[in-house]
C-alpha cells in the first residue's frame, strides 16, 4: 500500500510576511521615483542646451532669460510623472490615472 506524503513547506521557502513585502516594494518604488526625477532633470537640461545651441546659430535680437519656475510642476499620483502644461483633464496623459480617485493635496508652503 502506497503512503501519500504531504509536503510541508520548509522554513527557508516560506513566503515573506506582508509587512516585509510592503517595505521592500515601498523601497523599490522610492528608488524608481528618484530615477524618474533624475531623468526628467536630464531631459529638461538637454532640451534647454539644444535650444540654446540652435539660438546661438541664429542672430539673436533679444536677450531672453530662461524661464525658471519657483514651484515644481504638478505630478500624477499614479505614475509620478510631471503633468504637461495647460489645463488638466480628468485623467493622466501618461498612464490614464483617474484624478477623481484621490483628493487634491494641499500645497506645501
N, C-alpha and C. Protein backbone atom coordinates (compact mmCIF):
# COMPACT_ATOMS: atom_id res chain seq x y z
N UNK A 1 0.84 -1.16 0.00
CA UNK A 1 0.00 0.00 0.00
C UNK A 1 0.90 1.24 0.00
N UNK A 2 0.62 2.14 -0.93
CA UNK A 2 1.43 3.34 -1.05
C UNK A 2 0.95 4.38 -0.05
N UNK A 3 1.91 4.98 0.59
CA UNK A 3 1.57 6.03 1.55
C UNK A 3 1.70 7.38 0.86
N UNK A 4 0.73 8.21 1.01
CA UNK A 4 0.82 9.55 0.43
C UNK A 4 1.43 10.48 1.48
N UNK A 5 2.40 11.19 1.02
CA UNK A 5 3.07 12.14 1.92
C UNK A 5 2.65 13.55 1.56
N UNK A 6 2.35 14.29 2.55
CA UNK A 6 2.02 15.70 2.36
C UNK A 6 3.28 16.49 2.71
N UNK A 7 3.75 17.22 1.71
CA UNK A 7 4.96 18.01 1.94
C UNK A 7 4.61 19.34 2.57
N UNK A 8 5.24 19.62 3.64
CA UNK A 8 5.07 20.90 4.31
C UNK A 8 6.16 21.83 3.77
N UNK A 9 5.83 23.08 3.56
CA UNK A 9 6.87 23.99 3.07
C UNK A 9 7.97 24.15 4.11
N UNK A 10 9.17 24.14 3.61
CA UNK A 10 10.30 24.28 4.53
C UNK A 10 10.38 25.72 5.02
N UNK A 11 10.95 25.95 6.16
CA UNK A 11 11.03 27.32 6.69
C UNK A 11 11.81 28.25 5.77
N UNK A 12 12.76 27.72 5.01
CA UNK A 12 13.56 28.55 4.13
C UNK A 12 12.75 29.03 2.93
N UNK A 13 11.68 28.33 2.57
CA UNK A 13 10.90 28.68 1.39
C UNK A 13 9.56 29.32 1.72
N UNK A 14 9.34 29.72 2.92
CA UNK A 14 8.06 30.31 3.28
C UNK A 14 7.92 31.67 2.61
N UNK A 15 6.72 32.05 2.24
CA UNK A 15 6.54 33.35 1.59
C UNK A 15 6.81 34.47 2.59
N UNK A 16 7.29 35.63 2.10
CA UNK A 16 7.60 36.73 3.01
C UNK A 16 6.32 37.28 3.64
N UNK A 17 6.46 37.83 4.82
CA UNK A 17 5.33 38.43 5.52
C UNK A 17 4.85 39.66 4.76
N UNK A 18 3.59 40.01 4.94
CA UNK A 18 3.03 41.16 4.23
C UNK A 18 3.78 42.45 4.54
N UNK A 19 4.14 42.63 5.79
CA UNK A 19 4.85 43.85 6.17
C UNK A 19 6.23 43.92 5.50
N UNK A 20 6.90 42.79 5.46
CA UNK A 20 8.22 42.74 4.83
C UNK A 20 8.10 42.99 3.33
N UNK A 21 7.11 42.40 2.69
CA UNK A 21 6.90 42.58 1.27
C UNK A 21 6.55 44.05 0.97
N UNK A 22 5.69 44.63 1.79
CA UNK A 22 5.31 46.03 1.61
C UNK A 22 6.53 46.95 1.77
N UNK A 23 7.38 46.67 2.73
CA UNK A 23 8.57 47.50 2.95
C UNK A 23 9.52 47.41 1.76
N UNK A 24 9.71 46.19 1.24
CA UNK A 24 10.60 46.03 0.09
C UNK A 24 10.05 46.74 -1.14
N UNK A 25 8.74 46.60 -1.38
CA UNK A 25 8.13 47.25 -2.53
C UNK A 25 8.17 48.76 -2.40
N UNK A 26 7.94 49.27 -1.20
CA UNK A 26 8.00 50.72 -0.98
C UNK A 26 9.39 51.25 -1.25
N UNK A 27 10.40 50.53 -0.83
CA UNK A 27 11.79 50.96 -1.08
C UNK A 27 12.08 50.96 -2.58
N UNK A 28 11.62 49.95 -3.29
CA UNK A 28 11.85 49.91 -4.74
C UNK A 28 11.12 51.05 -5.45
N UNK A 29 9.91 51.35 -4.99
CA UNK A 29 9.15 52.45 -5.59
C UNK A 29 9.86 53.78 -5.38
N UNK A 30 10.39 54.00 -4.17
CA UNK A 30 11.12 55.24 -3.90
C UNK A 30 12.33 55.37 -4.81
N UNK A 31 13.06 54.28 -5.01
CA UNK A 31 14.24 54.31 -5.88
C UNK A 31 13.82 54.63 -7.31
N UNK A 32 12.75 54.01 -7.78
CA UNK A 32 12.29 54.26 -9.14
C UNK A 32 11.80 55.69 -9.32
N UNK A 33 11.09 56.23 -8.33
CA UNK A 33 10.64 57.62 -8.42
C UNK A 33 11.82 58.58 -8.47
N UNK A 34 12.86 58.28 -7.69
CA UNK A 34 14.07 59.11 -7.71
C UNK A 34 14.73 59.05 -9.09
N UNK A 35 14.80 57.86 -9.67
CA UNK A 35 15.38 57.73 -11.01
C UNK A 35 14.59 58.51 -12.04
N UNK A 36 13.25 58.47 -11.94
CA UNK A 36 12.41 59.21 -12.88
C UNK A 36 12.67 60.71 -12.75
N UNK A 37 12.76 61.20 -11.51
CA UNK A 37 13.03 62.64 -11.31
C UNK A 37 14.38 63.03 -11.91
N UNK A 38 15.39 62.19 -11.70
CA UNK A 38 16.72 62.50 -12.26
C UNK A 38 16.69 62.50 -13.78
N UNK A 39 15.98 61.54 -14.38
CA UNK A 39 15.87 61.50 -15.83
C UNK A 39 15.13 62.73 -16.37
N UNK A 40 14.10 63.17 -15.66
CA UNK A 40 13.38 64.37 -16.08
C UNK A 40 14.29 65.58 -16.06
N UNK A 41 15.14 65.69 -15.05
CA UNK A 41 16.09 66.80 -14.98
C UNK A 41 17.07 66.74 -16.14
N UNK A 42 17.57 65.55 -16.45
CA UNK A 42 18.50 65.40 -17.57
C UNK A 42 17.84 65.76 -18.90
N UNK A 43 16.63 65.30 -19.11
CA UNK A 43 15.92 65.59 -20.36
C UNK A 43 15.64 67.08 -20.47
N UNK A 44 15.21 67.70 -19.35
CA UNK A 44 14.94 69.13 -19.36
C UNK A 44 16.23 69.90 -19.67
N UNK A 45 17.35 69.48 -19.07
CA UNK A 45 18.62 70.15 -19.33
C UNK A 45 19.07 69.99 -20.77
N UNK A 46 18.85 68.80 -21.34
CA UNK A 46 19.22 68.57 -22.73
C UNK A 46 18.37 69.43 -23.66
N UNK A 47 17.10 69.60 -23.34
CA UNK A 47 16.22 70.41 -24.17
C UNK A 47 16.65 71.88 -24.13
N UNK A 48 17.02 72.35 -22.95
CA UNK A 48 17.47 73.74 -22.82
C UNK A 48 18.77 73.95 -23.58
N UNK A 49 19.72 73.02 -23.44
CA UNK A 49 21.01 73.19 -24.11
C UNK A 49 20.85 73.11 -25.64
N UNK A 50 19.96 72.25 -26.12
CA UNK A 50 19.78 72.16 -27.57
C UNK A 50 19.10 73.42 -28.10
N UNK A 51 18.17 73.98 -27.34
CA UNK A 51 17.52 75.21 -27.80
C UNK A 51 18.51 76.37 -27.77
N UNK A 52 19.43 76.38 -26.81
CA UNK A 52 20.47 77.42 -26.77
C UNK A 52 21.42 77.26 -27.95
N UNK A 53 21.76 76.02 -28.29
CA UNK A 53 22.67 75.78 -29.42
C UNK A 53 22.02 76.24 -30.72
N UNK A 54 20.73 75.98 -30.88
CA UNK A 54 20.03 76.42 -32.09
C UNK A 54 19.98 77.94 -32.13
N UNK A 55 19.74 78.56 -30.97
CA UNK A 55 19.61 80.01 -30.92
C UNK A 55 20.96 80.68 -31.16
N UNK A 56 22.05 80.06 -30.77
CA UNK A 56 23.37 80.69 -30.96
C UNK A 56 23.76 80.69 -32.43
N UNK A 57 23.22 79.80 -33.21
CA UNK A 57 23.50 79.78 -34.65
C UNK A 57 22.76 80.87 -35.38
N UNK A 58 21.72 81.40 -34.79
CA UNK A 58 20.93 82.46 -35.40
C UNK A 58 21.31 83.80 -34.76
N UNK A 59 20.97 84.89 -35.44
CA UNK A 59 21.20 86.21 -34.88
C UNK A 59 20.13 86.46 -33.82
N UNK A 60 20.58 86.75 -32.64
CA UNK A 60 19.64 86.98 -31.54
C UNK A 60 19.37 88.47 -31.42
N UNK A 61 18.11 88.82 -31.45
CA UNK A 61 17.74 90.22 -31.33
C UNK A 61 17.54 90.61 -29.87
N UNK A 62 16.99 89.70 -29.11
CA UNK A 62 16.72 89.98 -27.70
C UNK A 62 17.47 88.99 -26.84
N UNK A 63 17.83 89.43 -25.68
CA UNK A 63 18.41 88.53 -24.72
C UNK A 63 17.25 88.00 -23.86
N UNK A 64 16.95 86.72 -24.03
CA UNK A 64 15.83 86.13 -23.32
C UNK A 64 16.38 85.25 -22.21
N UNK A 65 16.03 85.59 -20.99
CA UNK A 65 16.47 84.76 -19.86
C UNK A 65 15.60 83.50 -19.82
N UNK A 66 16.21 82.36 -19.50
CA UNK A 66 15.40 81.15 -19.40
C UNK A 66 14.39 81.27 -18.27
N UNK A 67 13.21 80.75 -18.53
CA UNK A 67 12.15 80.82 -17.53
C UNK A 67 12.42 79.80 -16.43
N UNK A 68 12.38 80.28 -15.21
CA UNK A 68 12.63 79.40 -14.08
C UNK A 68 11.37 79.36 -13.22
N UNK A 69 10.83 78.19 -13.05
CA UNK A 69 9.65 78.04 -12.19
C UNK A 69 10.11 77.92 -10.75
N UNK A 70 9.49 78.71 -9.89
CA UNK A 70 9.82 78.60 -8.47
C UNK A 70 9.07 77.43 -7.84
N UNK A 71 8.01 77.01 -8.49
CA UNK A 71 7.18 75.94 -7.98
C UNK A 71 7.35 74.72 -8.88
N UNK A 72 7.50 73.52 -8.30
CA UNK A 72 7.64 72.33 -9.16
C UNK A 72 6.33 72.04 -9.88
N UNK A 73 6.45 71.42 -11.05
CA UNK A 73 5.26 71.07 -11.84
C UNK A 73 4.45 70.02 -11.11
N UNK A 74 3.13 70.04 -11.28
CA UNK A 74 2.31 69.01 -10.63
C UNK A 74 2.62 67.64 -11.21
N UNK A 75 2.49 66.61 -10.38
CA UNK A 75 2.78 65.24 -10.79
C UNK A 75 1.54 64.38 -10.68
N UNK A 76 1.50 63.36 -11.50
CA UNK A 76 0.40 62.39 -11.45
C UNK A 76 0.61 61.50 -10.22
N UNK A 77 -0.42 61.29 -9.40
CA UNK A 77 -0.26 60.40 -8.25
C UNK A 77 -0.14 58.94 -8.65
N UNK A 78 -0.50 58.61 -9.88
CA UNK A 78 -0.42 57.22 -10.32
C UNK A 78 0.96 56.83 -10.79
N UNK A 79 1.55 57.65 -11.68
CA UNK A 79 2.85 57.29 -12.26
C UNK A 79 3.97 58.22 -11.82
N UNK A 80 3.68 59.28 -11.11
CA UNK A 80 4.59 60.30 -10.58
C UNK A 80 5.35 61.07 -11.67
N UNK A 81 4.88 61.03 -12.90
CA UNK A 81 5.49 61.83 -13.96
C UNK A 81 4.90 63.24 -13.92
N UNK A 82 5.69 64.21 -14.37
CA UNK A 82 5.20 65.58 -14.41
C UNK A 82 4.07 65.69 -15.43
N UNK A 83 3.04 66.44 -15.06
CA UNK A 83 1.94 66.65 -15.99
C UNK A 83 2.31 67.77 -16.95
N UNK A 84 1.89 67.68 -18.20
CA UNK A 84 2.25 68.73 -19.16
C UNK A 84 1.55 70.04 -18.82
N UNK A 85 2.11 71.16 -19.30
CA UNK A 85 1.48 72.45 -19.01
C UNK A 85 0.11 72.53 -19.68
N UNK A 86 -0.72 73.41 -19.16
CA UNK A 86 -2.05 73.58 -19.73
C UNK A 86 -3.10 73.03 -18.79
N UNK A 87 -4.31 73.02 -19.28
CA UNK A 87 -5.42 72.57 -18.47
C UNK A 87 -5.34 71.07 -18.24
N UNK A 88 -5.56 70.69 -17.00
CA UNK A 88 -5.51 69.27 -16.64
C UNK A 88 -6.86 68.63 -16.94
N UNK A 89 -6.82 67.47 -17.58
CA UNK A 89 -8.05 66.76 -17.90
C UNK A 89 -8.50 65.90 -16.73
N UNK A 90 -9.34 64.93 -17.01
CA UNK A 90 -9.86 64.05 -15.98
C UNK A 90 -8.92 62.89 -15.68
N UNK A 91 -7.97 62.63 -16.58
CA UNK A 91 -7.04 61.52 -16.36
C UNK A 91 -5.64 61.91 -16.82
N UNK A 92 -4.66 61.17 -16.33
CA UNK A 92 -3.25 61.42 -16.67
C UNK A 92 -3.02 61.09 -18.15
N UNK A 93 -2.27 61.98 -18.83
CA UNK A 93 -1.98 61.73 -20.24
C UNK A 93 -0.97 60.60 -20.43
N UNK A 94 -0.22 60.28 -19.38
CA UNK A 94 0.81 59.25 -19.49
C UNK A 94 0.29 57.86 -19.13
N UNK A 95 -0.40 57.74 -18.00
CA UNK A 95 -0.79 56.40 -17.54
C UNK A 95 -2.30 56.19 -17.48
N UNK A 96 -3.10 57.23 -17.65
CA UNK A 96 -4.54 57.10 -17.61
C UNK A 96 -5.14 57.11 -16.22
N UNK A 97 -4.37 57.48 -15.20
CA UNK A 97 -4.86 57.53 -13.82
C UNK A 97 -6.01 58.52 -13.72
N UNK A 98 -7.10 58.10 -13.08
CA UNK A 98 -8.27 58.96 -12.90
C UNK A 98 -8.03 59.87 -11.69
N UNK A 99 -7.98 61.19 -11.91
CA UNK A 99 -7.70 62.13 -10.83
C UNK A 99 -8.83 62.20 -9.81
N UNK A 100 -10.03 61.77 -10.19
CA UNK A 100 -11.14 61.77 -9.25
C UNK A 100 -10.92 60.77 -8.12
N UNK A 101 -10.02 59.81 -8.31
CA UNK A 101 -9.80 58.74 -7.34
C UNK A 101 -9.12 59.24 -6.06
N UNK A 102 -8.47 60.39 -6.12
CA UNK A 102 -7.78 60.92 -4.93
C UNK A 102 -8.22 62.35 -4.68
N UNK A 103 -8.09 62.75 -3.44
CA UNK A 103 -8.37 64.14 -3.09
C UNK A 103 -7.19 65.00 -3.50
N UNK A 104 -7.43 66.25 -3.88
CA UNK A 104 -6.29 67.11 -4.19
C UNK A 104 -5.46 67.37 -2.94
N UNK A 105 -4.15 67.40 -3.11
CA UNK A 105 -3.25 67.65 -1.97
C UNK A 105 -3.18 69.14 -1.69
N UNK A 106 -2.98 69.45 -0.43
CA UNK A 106 -2.72 70.84 -0.06
C UNK A 106 -1.29 71.15 -0.41
N UNK A 107 -1.06 72.32 -0.95
CA UNK A 107 0.29 72.70 -1.36
C UNK A 107 1.13 73.01 -0.14
N UNK A 108 2.41 72.67 -0.23
CA UNK A 108 3.34 72.99 0.86
C UNK A 108 3.75 74.44 0.74
N UNK A 109 3.93 75.05 1.89
CA UNK A 109 4.47 76.40 1.88
C UNK A 109 3.57 77.46 2.24
